[in-house]
PDB file of N, CA and C in Angstrom:
ATOM      1  N   MET A   1       1.520 -71.176 143.844  1.00  0.00           N
ATOM      2  CA  MET A   1       2.176 -70.558 142.721  1.00  0.00           C
ATOM      3  C   MET A   1       1.130 -70.223 141.671  1.00  0.00           C
ATOM      4  N   ALA A   2       1.173 -68.978 141.210  1.00  0.00           N
ATOM      5  CA  ALA A   2       0.262 -68.576 140.142  1.00  0.00           C
ATOM      6  C   ALA A   2       1.032 -68.401 138.844  1.00  0.00           C
ATOM      7  N   THR A   3       0.284 -68.467 137.716  1.00  0.00           N
ATOM      8  CA  THR A   3       0.865 -68.208 136.434  1.00  0.00           C
ATOM      9  C   THR A   3       0.230 -66.924 135.881  1.00  0.00           C
ATOM     10  N   ILE A   4       1.018 -65.964 135.425  1.00  0.00           N
ATOM     11  CA  ILE A   4       0.616 -64.726 134.895  1.00  0.00           C
ATOM     12  C   ILE A   4       1.066 -64.723 133.387  1.00  0.00           C
ATOM     13  N   GLU A   5       0.157 -64.417 132.456  1.00  0.00           N
ATOM     14  CA  GLU A   5       0.506 -64.334 131.030  1.00  0.00           C
ATOM     15  C   GLU A   5       0.262 -62.888 130.630  1.00  0.00           C
ATOM     16  N   ILE A   6       1.291 -62.358 129.923  1.00  0.00           N
ATOM     17  CA  ILE A   6       1.244 -60.995 129.559  1.00  0.00           C
ATOM     18  C   ILE A   6       2.004 -60.740 128.224  1.00  0.00           C
ATOM     19  N   THR A   7       1.795 -59.632 127.604  1.00  0.00           N
ATOM     20  CA  THR A   7       2.470 -59.328 126.352  1.00  0.00           C
ATOM     21  C   THR A   7       3.640 -58.387 126.567  1.00  0.00           C
ATOM     22  N   GLU A   8       4.738 -58.584 125.818  1.00  0.00           N
ATOM     23  CA  GLU A   8       5.891 -57.731 125.949  1.00  0.00           C
ATOM     24  C   GLU A   8       5.564 -56.262 125.808  1.00  0.00           C
ATOM     25  N   GLY A   9       6.286 -55.416 126.467  1.00  0.00           N
ATOM     26  CA  GLY A   9       6.131 -53.971 126.396  1.00  0.00           C
ATOM     27  C   GLY A   9       5.006 -53.451 127.220  1.00  0.00           C
ATOM     28  N   TRP A  10       4.293 -54.299 128.012  1.00  0.00           N
ATOM     29  CA  TRP A  10       3.163 -53.895 128.810  1.00  0.00           C
ATOM     30  C   TRP A  10       3.651 -52.850 129.874  1.00  0.00           C
ATOM     31  N   THR A  11       2.957 -51.731 129.993  1.00  0.00           N
ATOM     32  CA  THR A  11       3.340 -50.735 131.005  1.00  0.00           C
ATOM     33  C   THR A  11       2.147 -50.340 131.878  1.00  0.00           C
ATOM     34  N   GLY A  12       1.036 -51.043 131.730  1.00  0.00           N
ATOM     35  CA  GLY A  12      -0.127 -50.788 132.596  1.00  0.00           C
ATOM     36  C   GLY A  12       0.085 -51.351 133.972  1.00  0.00           C
ATOM     37  N   ASP A  13      -0.678 -50.851 134.905  1.00  0.00           N
ATOM     38  CA  ASP A  13      -0.603 -51.346 136.304  1.00  0.00           C
ATOM     39  C   ASP A  13      -0.996 -52.827 136.402  1.00  0.00           C
ATOM     40  N   LEU A  14      -0.213 -53.544 137.212  1.00  0.00           N
ATOM     41  CA  LEU A  14      -0.568 -54.936 137.523  1.00  0.00           C
ATOM     42  C   LEU A  14      -0.695 -55.029 139.041  1.00  0.00           C
ATOM     43  N   ASP A  15      -1.929 -55.336 139.468  1.00  0.00           N
ATOM     44  CA  ASP A  15      -2.249 -55.432 140.890  1.00  0.00           C
ATOM     45  C   ASP A  15      -2.294 -56.883 141.391  1.00  0.00           C
ATOM     46  N   PHE A  16      -1.788 -57.050 142.585  1.00  0.00           N
ATOM     47  CA  PHE A  16      -1.758 -58.409 143.196  1.00  0.00           C
ATOM     48  C   PHE A  16      -2.173 -58.251 144.657  1.00  0.00           C
ATOM     49  N   THR A  17      -2.779 -59.318 145.219  1.00  0.00           N
ATOM     50  CA  THR A  17      -3.087 -59.380 146.650  1.00  0.00           C
ATOM     51  C   THR A  17      -2.171 -60.425 147.266  1.00  0.00           C
ATOM     52  N   LEU A  18      -1.397 -59.961 148.218  1.00  0.00           N
ATOM     53  CA  LEU A  18      -0.488 -60.897 148.945  1.00  0.00           C
ATOM     54  C   LEU A  18      -1.308 -61.600 150.062  1.00  0.00           C
ATOM     55  N   THR A  19      -1.228 -62.932 150.051  1.00  0.00           N
ATOM     56  CA  THR A  19      -1.956 -63.722 151.007  1.00  0.00           C
ATOM     57  C   THR A  19      -1.108 -64.723 151.704  1.00  0.00           C
ATOM     58  N   ALA A  20      -1.461 -65.084 152.905  1.00  0.00           N
ATOM     59  CA  ALA A  20      -0.837 -66.193 153.660  1.00  0.00           C
ATOM     60  C   ALA A  20      -1.970 -67.080 154.120  1.00  0.00           C
ATOM     61  N   ASP A  21      -1.903 -68.343 153.728  1.00  0.00           N
ATOM     62  CA  ASP A  21      -2.933 -69.296 154.068  1.00  0.00           C
ATOM     63  C   ASP A  21      -4.348 -68.807 153.630  1.00  0.00           C
ATOM     64  N   GLY A  22      -4.361 -68.168 152.472  1.00  0.00           N
ATOM     65  CA  GLY A  22      -5.677 -67.689 151.950  1.00  0.00           C
ATOM     66  C   GLY A  22      -6.197 -66.392 152.527  1.00  0.00           C
ATOM     67  N   VAL A  23      -5.467 -65.786 153.433  1.00  0.00           N
ATOM     68  CA  VAL A  23      -5.894 -64.576 154.077  1.00  0.00           C
ATOM     69  C   VAL A  23      -4.997 -63.411 153.645  1.00  0.00           C
ATOM     70  N   ALA A  24      -5.553 -62.269 153.309  1.00  0.00           N
ATOM     71  CA  ALA A  24      -4.772 -61.108 152.868  1.00  0.00           C
ATOM     72  C   ALA A  24      -3.827 -60.691 154.000  1.00  0.00           C
ATOM     73  N   VAL A  25      -2.634 -60.353 153.584  1.00  0.00           N
ATOM     74  CA  VAL A  25      -1.580 -59.942 154.525  1.00  0.00           C
ATOM     75  C   VAL A  25      -1.661 -58.416 154.789  1.00  0.00           C
ATOM     76  N   ASP A  26      -1.707 -58.024 156.044  1.00  0.00           N
ATOM     77  CA  ASP A  26      -1.725 -56.594 156.379  1.00  0.00           C
ATOM     78  C   ASP A  26      -0.319 -56.033 156.204  1.00  0.00           C
ATOM     79  N   LEU A  27      -0.139 -55.114 155.282  1.00  0.00           N
ATOM     80  CA  LEU A  27       1.149 -54.527 154.953  1.00  0.00           C
ATOM     81  C   LEU A  27       1.423 -53.225 155.648  1.00  0.00           C
ATOM     82  N   THR A  28       0.607 -52.839 156.568  1.00  0.00           N
ATOM     83  CA  THR A  28       0.744 -51.588 157.210  1.00  0.00           C
ATOM     84  C   THR A  28       2.139 -51.486 157.846  1.00  0.00           C
ATOM     85  N   GLY A  29       2.856 -50.453 157.500  1.00  0.00           N
ATOM     86  CA  GLY A  29       4.238 -50.215 158.013  1.00  0.00           C
ATOM     87  C   GLY A  29       5.332 -51.014 157.374  1.00  0.00           C
ATOM     88  N   ALA A  30       4.972 -51.862 156.443  1.00  0.00           N
ATOM     89  CA  ALA A  30       5.948 -52.735 155.753  1.00  0.00           C
ATOM     90  C   ALA A  30       6.459 -52.090 154.494  1.00  0.00           C
ATOM     91  N   THR A  31       7.657 -52.482 154.062  1.00  0.00           N
ATOM     92  CA  THR A  31       8.252 -52.120 152.797  1.00  0.00           C
ATOM     93  C   THR A  31       8.070 -53.350 151.858  1.00  0.00           C
ATOM     94  N   VAL A  32       7.605 -53.078 150.642  1.00  0.00           N
ATOM     95  CA  VAL A  32       7.396 -54.161 149.704  1.00  0.00           C
ATOM     96  C   VAL A  32       8.238 -53.920 148.420  1.00  0.00           C
ATOM     97  N   GLU A  33       8.859 -55.006 147.992  1.00  0.00           N
ATOM     98  CA  GLU A  33       9.669 -55.017 146.746  1.00  0.00           C
ATOM     99  C   GLU A  33       9.250 -56.167 145.919  1.00  0.00           C
ATOM    100  N   LEU A  34       9.438 -56.082 144.589  1.00  0.00           N
ATOM    101  CA  LEU A  34       9.199 -57.151 143.705  1.00  0.00           C
ATOM    102  C   LEU A  34      10.573 -57.696 143.238  1.00  0.00           C
ATOM    103  N   VAL A  35      10.814 -58.981 143.474  1.00  0.00           N
ATOM    104  CA  VAL A  35      12.028 -59.624 143.006  1.00  0.00           C
ATOM    105  C   VAL A  35      11.593 -60.452 141.776  1.00  0.00           C
ATOM    106  N   LEU A  36      11.983 -59.958 140.598  1.00  0.00           N
ATOM    107  CA  LEU A  36      11.572 -60.536 139.323  1.00  0.00           C
ATOM    108  C   LEU A  36      12.823 -60.974 138.595  1.00  0.00           C
ATOM    109  N   THR A  37      12.895 -62.284 138.279  1.00  0.00           N
ATOM    110  CA  THR A  37      14.078 -62.780 137.624  1.00  0.00           C
ATOM    111  C   THR A  37      13.675 -63.585 136.362  1.00  0.00           C
ATOM    112  N   THR A  38      14.637 -63.539 135.401  1.00  0.00           N
ATOM    113  CA  THR A  38      14.545 -64.381 134.259  1.00  0.00           C
ATOM    114  C   THR A  38      15.912 -65.048 134.071  1.00  0.00           C
ATOM    115  N   GLY A  39      15.921 -66.319 134.234  1.00  0.00           N
ATOM    116  CA  GLY A  39      17.237 -67.026 134.270  1.00  0.00           C
ATOM    117  C   GLY A  39      17.989 -66.534 135.482  1.00  0.00           C
ATOM    118  N   SER A  40      19.236 -66.065 135.232  1.00  0.00           N
ATOM    119  CA  SER A  40      20.031 -65.488 136.304  1.00  0.00           C
ATOM    120  C   SER A  40      19.993 -64.012 136.328  1.00  0.00           C
ATOM    121  N   THR A  41      19.143 -63.361 135.466  1.00  0.00           N
ATOM    122  CA  THR A  41      19.052 -61.917 135.414  1.00  0.00           C
ATOM    123  C   THR A  41      17.924 -61.420 136.304  1.00  0.00           C
ATOM    124  N   VAL A  42      18.266 -60.387 137.088  1.00  0.00           N
ATOM    125  CA  VAL A  42      17.243 -59.770 137.940  1.00  0.00           C
ATOM    126  C   VAL A  42      16.769 -58.494 137.242  1.00  0.00           C
ATOM    127  N   VAL A  43      15.451 -58.364 137.127  1.00  0.00           N
ATOM    128  CA  VAL A  43      14.846 -57.184 136.489  1.00  0.00           C
ATOM    129  C   VAL A  43      14.827 -56.033 137.538  1.00  0.00           C
ATOM    130  N   ASP A  44      15.275 -54.859 137.119  1.00  0.00           N
ATOM    131  CA  ASP A  44      15.229 -53.707 137.993  1.00  0.00           C
ATOM    132  C   ASP A  44      13.793 -53.178 138.137  1.00  0.00           C
ATOM    133  N   THR A  45      13.201 -53.448 139.293  1.00  0.00           N
ATOM    134  CA  THR A  45      11.821 -53.029 139.553  1.00  0.00           C
ATOM    135  C   THR A  45      11.752 -51.897 140.564  1.00  0.00           C
ATOM    136  N   SER A  46      12.944 -51.327 140.866  1.00  0.00           N
ATOM    137  CA  SER A  46      12.948 -50.250 141.911  1.00  0.00           C
ATOM    138  C   SER A  46      12.140 -49.060 141.381  1.00  0.00           C
ATOM    139  N   GLY A  47      11.362 -48.526 142.229  1.00  0.00           N
ATOM    140  CA  GLY A  47      10.511 -47.412 141.857  1.00  0.00           C
ATOM    141  C   GLY A  47       9.272 -47.757 141.146  1.00  0.00           C
ATOM    142  N   ASP A  48       9.067 -49.079 140.860  1.00  0.00           N
ATOM    143  CA  ASP A  48       7.902 -49.546 140.117  1.00  0.00           C
ATOM    144  C   ASP A  48       6.869 -50.210 140.948  1.00  0.00           C
ATOM    145  N   VAL A  49       7.096 -50.340 142.255  1.00  0.00           N
ATOM    146  CA  VAL A  49       6.184 -51.009 143.201  1.00  0.00           C
ATOM    147  C   VAL A  49       5.564 -50.062 144.186  1.00  0.00           C
ATOM    148  N   THR A  50       4.256 -50.168 144.367  1.00  0.00           N
ATOM    149  CA  THR A  50       3.575 -49.366 145.365  1.00  0.00           C
ATOM    150  C   THR A  50       2.579 -50.274 146.118  1.00  0.00           C
ATOM    151  N   VAL A  51       2.306 -49.866 147.355  1.00  0.00           N
ATOM    152  CA  VAL A  51       1.256 -50.544 148.120  1.00  0.00           C
ATOM    153  C   VAL A  51      -0.027 -49.736 147.858  1.00  0.00           C
ATOM    154  N   VAL A  52      -0.985 -50.432 147.283  1.00  0.00           N
ATOM    155  CA  VAL A  52      -2.247 -49.758 146.924  1.00  0.00           C
ATOM    156  C   VAL A  52      -3.177 -49.696 148.146  1.00  0.00           C
ATOM    157  N   ASP A  53      -3.299 -50.809 148.899  1.00  0.00           N
ATOM    158  CA  ASP A  53      -4.130 -50.870 150.076  1.00  0.00           C
ATOM    159  C   ASP A  53      -3.440 -51.779 151.093  1.00  0.00           C
ATOM    160  N   ALA A  54      -2.773 -51.164 152.061  1.00  0.00           N
ATOM    161  CA  ALA A  54      -1.958 -51.940 153.036  1.00  0.00           C
ATOM    162  C   ALA A  54      -2.819 -52.949 153.818  1.00  0.00           C
ATOM    163  N   ALA A  55      -4.012 -52.508 154.298  1.00  0.00           N
ATOM    164  CA  ALA A  55      -4.811 -53.394 155.100  1.00  0.00           C
ATOM    165  C   ALA A  55      -5.262 -54.646 154.413  1.00  0.00           C
ATOM    166  N   THR A  56      -5.434 -54.558 153.099  1.00  0.00           N
ATOM    167  CA  THR A  56      -5.936 -55.754 152.341  1.00  0.00           C
ATOM    168  C   THR A  56      -4.869 -56.408 151.508  1.00  0.00           C
ATOM    169  N   GLY A  57      -3.593 -55.988 151.705  1.00  0.00           N
ATOM    170  CA  GLY A  57      -2.485 -56.626 151.025  1.00  0.00           C
ATOM    171  C   GLY A  57      -2.357 -56.439 149.552  1.00  0.00           C
ATOM    172  N   ILE A  58      -2.968 -55.355 149.075  1.00  0.00           N
ATOM    173  CA  ILE A  58      -2.880 -55.089 147.586  1.00  0.00           C
ATOM    174  C   ILE A  58      -1.669 -54.296 147.216  1.00  0.00           C
ATOM    175  N   VAL A  59      -0.867 -54.847 146.306  1.00  0.00           N
ATOM    176  CA  VAL A  59       0.360 -54.194 145.826  1.00  0.00           C
ATOM    177  C   VAL A  59       0.235 -53.988 144.306  1.00  0.00           C
ATOM    178  N   ARG A  60       1.023 -53.073 143.788  1.00  0.00           N
ATOM    179  CA  ARG A  60       0.987 -52.761 142.361  1.00  0.00           C
ATOM    180  C   ARG A  60       2.403 -52.714 141.752  1.00  0.00           C
ATOM    181  N   TYR A  61       2.525 -53.326 140.604  1.00  0.00           N
ATOM    182  CA  TYR A  61       3.770 -53.237 139.833  1.00  0.00           C
ATOM    183  C   TYR A  61       3.425 -52.522 138.544  1.00  0.00           C
ATOM    184  N   THR A  62       4.129 -51.449 138.267  1.00  0.00           N
ATOM    185  CA  THR A  62       3.966 -50.713 137.017  1.00  0.00           C
ATOM    186  C   THR A  62       5.261 -50.850 136.257  1.00  0.00           C
ATOM    187  N   PRO A  63       5.273 -51.793 135.291  1.00  0.00           N
ATOM    188  CA  PRO A  63       6.576 -52.048 134.609  1.00  0.00           C
ATOM    189  C   PRO A  63       7.015 -50.915 133.716  1.00  0.00           C
ATOM    190  N   ASP A  64       8.306 -50.758 133.601  1.00  0.00           N
ATOM    191  CA  ASP A  64       8.901 -49.857 132.597  1.00  0.00           C
ATOM    192  C   ASP A  64       8.797 -50.539 131.250  1.00  0.00           C
ATOM    193  N   PRO A  65       8.859 -49.774 130.130  1.00  0.00           N
ATOM    194  CA  PRO A  65       8.680 -50.359 128.821  1.00  0.00           C
ATOM    195  C   PRO A  65       9.601 -51.518 128.507  1.00  0.00           C
ATOM    196  N   ALA A  66      10.806 -51.532 129.009  1.00  0.00           N
ATOM    197  CA  ALA A  66      11.774 -52.594 128.671  1.00  0.00           C
ATOM    198  C   ALA A  66      11.809 -53.723 129.752  1.00  0.00           C
ATOM    199  N   ASP A  67      11.022 -53.606 130.767  1.00  0.00           N
ATOM    200  CA  ASP A  67      11.080 -54.607 131.848  1.00  0.00           C
ATOM    201  C   ASP A  67      10.691 -56.017 131.401  1.00  0.00           C
ATOM    202  N   LEU A  68       9.616 -56.120 130.634  1.00  0.00           N
ATOM    203  CA  LEU A  68       9.036 -57.426 130.268  1.00  0.00           C
ATOM    204  C   LEU A  68       9.237 -57.750 128.834  1.00  0.00           C
ATOM    205  N   THR A  69      10.314 -58.506 128.598  1.00  0.00           N
ATOM    206  CA  THR A  69      10.613 -58.957 127.217  1.00  0.00           C
ATOM    207  C   THR A  69      10.188 -60.436 127.095  1.00  0.00           C
ATOM    208  N   PRO A  70      10.012 -60.962 125.945  1.00  0.00           N
ATOM    209  CA  PRO A  70       9.563 -62.348 125.797  1.00  0.00           C
ATOM    210  C   PRO A  70      10.400 -63.344 126.621  1.00  0.00           C
ATOM    211  N   GLY A  71       9.695 -64.271 127.250  1.00  0.00           N
ATOM    212  CA  GLY A  71      10.409 -65.297 128.089  1.00  0.00           C
ATOM    213  C   GLY A  71       9.621 -65.622 129.310  1.00  0.00           C
ATOM    214  N   GLN A  72      10.302 -66.394 130.172  1.00  0.00           N
ATOM    215  CA  GLN A  72       9.684 -66.788 131.448  1.00  0.00           C
ATOM    216  C   GLN A  72      10.397 -66.126 132.578  1.00  0.00           C
ATOM    217  N   TYR A  73       9.629 -65.735 133.549  1.00  0.00           N
ATOM    218  CA  TYR A  73      10.135 -65.020 134.735  1.00  0.00           C
ATOM    219  C   TYR A  73       9.622 -65.735 135.987  1.00  0.00           C
ATOM    220  N   ARG A  74      10.309 -65.516 137.096  1.00  0.00           N
ATOM    221  CA  ARG A  74       9.831 -65.926 138.439  1.00  0.00           C
ATOM    222  C   ARG A  74       9.701 -64.661 139.237  1.00  0.00           C
ATOM    223  N   ALA A  75       8.596 -64.598 139.981  1.00  0.00           N
ATOM    224  CA  ALA A  75       8.293 -63.392 140.744  1.00  0.00           C
ATOM    225  C   ALA A  75       8.056 -63.738 142.246  1.00  0.00           C
ATOM    226  N   HIS A  76       8.761 -62.994 143.118  1.00  0.00           N
ATOM    227  CA  HIS A  76       8.541 -63.057 144.570  1.00  0.00           C
ATOM    228  C   HIS A  76       8.311 -61.655 145.052  1.00  0.00           C
ATOM    229  N   TRP A  77       7.365 -61.486 145.963  1.00  0.00           N
ATOM    230  CA  TRP A  77       7.164 -60.216 146.646  1.00  0.00           C
ATOM    231  C   TRP A  77       7.975 -60.260 147.950  1.00  0.00           C
ATOM    232  N   LYS A  78       8.905 -59.329 148.159  1.00  0.00           N
ATOM    233  CA  LYS A  78       9.711 -59.294 149.370  1.00  0.00           C
ATOM    234  C   LYS A  78       9.104 -58.259 150.293  1.00  0.00           C
ATOM    235  N   VAL A  79       8.675 -58.689 151.448  1.00  0.00           N
ATOM    236  CA  VAL A  79       8.061 -57.815 152.414  1.00  0.00           C
ATOM    237  C   VAL A  79       8.965 -57.698 153.648  1.00  0.00           C
ATOM    238  N   THR A  80       9.411 -56.500 153.972  1.00  0.00           N
ATOM    239  CA  THR A  80      10.246 -56.222 155.157  1.00  0.00           C
ATOM    240  C   THR A  80       9.404 -55.444 156.143  1.00  0.00           C
ATOM    241  N   ASP A  81       9.318 -56.003 157.346  1.00  0.00           N
ATOM    242  CA  ASP A  81       8.526 -55.361 158.420  1.00  0.00           C
ATOM    243  C   ASP A  81       9.292 -55.541 159.739  1.00  0.00           C
ATOM    244  N   GLY A  82       9.650 -54.451 160.324  1.00  0.00           N
ATOM    245  CA  GLY A  82      10.350 -54.509 161.607  1.00  0.00           C
ATOM    246  C   GLY A  82      11.622 -55.289 161.552  1.00  0.00           C
ATOM    247  N   GLY A  83      12.332 -55.213 160.421  1.00  0.00           N
ATOM    248  CA  GLY A  83      13.591 -55.930 160.255  1.00  0.00           C
ATOM    249  C   GLY A  83      13.477 -57.386 159.794  1.00  0.00           C
ATOM    250  N   LYS A  84      12.216 -57.886 159.788  1.00  0.00           N
ATOM    251  CA  LYS A  84      11.966 -59.281 159.386  1.00  0.00           C
ATOM    252  C   LYS A  84      11.580 -59.317 157.943  1.00  0.00           C
ATOM    253  N   VAL A  85      12.094 -60.279 157.202  1.00  0.00           N
ATOM    254  CA  VAL A  85      11.834 -60.400 155.748  1.00  0.00           C
ATOM    255  C   VAL A  85      10.990 -61.640 155.470  1.00  0.00           C
ATOM    256  N   VAL A  86       9.943 -61.498 154.691  1.00  0.00           N
ATOM    257  CA  VAL A  86       9.092 -62.624 154.284  1.00  0.00           C
ATOM    258  C   VAL A  86       8.836 -62.499 152.767  1.00  0.00           C
ATOM    259  N   PHE A  87       8.821 -63.626 152.089  1.00  0.00           N
ATOM    260  CA  PHE A  87       8.550 -63.664 150.655  1.00  0.00           C
ATOM    261  C   PHE A  87       7.182 -64.242 150.342  1.00  0.00           C
ATOM    262  N   TYR A  88       6.511 -63.664 149.372  1.00  0.00           N
ATOM    263  CA  TYR A  88       5.242 -64.188 148.895  1.00  0.00           C
ATOM    264  C   TYR A  88       5.358 -64.428 147.368  1.00  0.00           C
ATOM    265  N   PRO A  89       5.134 -65.653 146.891  1.00  0.00           N
ATOM    266  CA  PRO A  89       4.998 -66.873 147.699  1.00  0.00           C
ATOM    267  C   PRO A  89       6.290 -67.243 148.379  1.00  0.00           C
ATOM    268  N   ASN A  90       6.164 -68.140 149.353  1.00  0.00           N
ATOM    269  CA  ASN A  90       7.291 -68.452 150.203  1.00  0.00           C
ATOM    270  C   ASN A  90       8.079 -69.604 149.582  1.00  0.00           C
ATOM    271  N   GLY A  91       7.537 -70.256 148.582  1.00  0.00           N
ATOM    272  CA  GLY A  91       8.261 -71.351 147.869  1.00  0.00           C
ATOM    273  C   GLY A  91       8.709 -70.900 146.536  1.00  0.00           C
ATOM    274  N   ARG A  92       8.476 -71.715 145.531  1.00  0.00           N
ATOM    275  CA  ARG A  92       8.814 -71.347 144.177  1.00  0.00           C
ATOM    276  C   ARG A  92       8.009 -70.110 143.780  1.00  0.00           C
ATOM    277  N   GLY A  93       8.663 -69.166 143.086  1.00  0.00           N
ATOM    278  CA  GLY A  93       8.066 -67.920 142.692  1.00  0.00           C
ATOM    279  C   GLY A  93       6.976 -68.164 141.663  1.00  0.00           C
ATOM    280  N   ASP A  94       6.058 -67.176 141.565  1.00  0.00           N
ATOM    281  CA  ASP A  94       4.999 -67.198 140.586  1.00  0.00           C
ATOM    282  C   ASP A  94       5.645 -67.201 139.198  1.00  0.00           C
ATOM    283  N   LEU A  95       5.025 -67.843 138.220  1.00  0.00           N
ATOM    284  CA  LEU A  95       5.551 -67.925 136.904  1.00  0.00           C
ATOM    285  C   LEU A  95       4.854 -66.876 136.065  1.00  0.00           C
ATOM    286  N   TRP A  96       5.678 -66.008 135.448  1.00  0.00           N
ATOM    287  CA  TRP A  96       5.175 -64.981 134.527  1.00  0.00           C
ATOM    288  C   TRP A  96       5.665 -65.354 133.135  1.00  0.00           C
ATOM    289  N   ILE A  97       4.775 -65.492 132.178  1.00  0.00           N
ATOM    290  CA  ILE A  97       5.091 -65.796 130.827  1.00  0.00           C
ATOM    291  C   ILE A  97       4.876 -64.519 129.978  1.00  0.00           C
ATOM    292  N   VAL A  98       5.889 -64.075 129.293  1.00  0.00           N
ATOM    293  CA  VAL A  98       5.712 -62.874 128.517  1.00  0.00           C
ATOM    294  C   VAL A  98       5.806 -63.306 127.036  1.00  0.00           C
ATOM    295  N   TYR A  99       4.770 -62.896 126.312  1.00  0.00           N
ATOM    296  CA  TYR A  99       4.676 -63.239 124.904  1.00  0.00           C
ATOM    297  C   TYR A  99       5.039 -62.074 123.996  1.00  0.00           C
ATOM    298  N   ARG A 100       5.526 -62.403 122.803  1.00  0.00           N
ATOM    299  CA  ARG A 100       5.793 -61.375 121.770  1.00  0.00           C
ATOM    300  C   ARG A 100       4.464 -60.737 121.338  1.00  0.00           C
ATOM    301  N   VAL A 101       4.543 -59.537 120.870  1.00  0.00           N
ATOM    302  CA  VAL A 101       3.367 -58.819 120.380  1.00  0.00           C
ATOM    303  C   VAL A 101       2.945 -59.552 119.082  1.00  0.00           C
TER     304      VAL A 101
END
């Protein structure tokens, strides 16, 4: 589990490398989504996620202006490949802390 700290209103690209046992995951042919929650609220990240480099597992989230408001979030990357679904991380989601400007 990683901790990400960021300021509210951030709209710049955020890049992440998805790994399994310390090795980058090959995302070739896979669909990647970001499941981002705060409490029981799910943030709409549709259209905000791209695969930057499939072979090296690099994904990008480009938040909309209202996506990240002050508070704590949990983030999981949902990867669907050949009908199989895997989450990164596979346990407790990464902690994102969003601070006021």
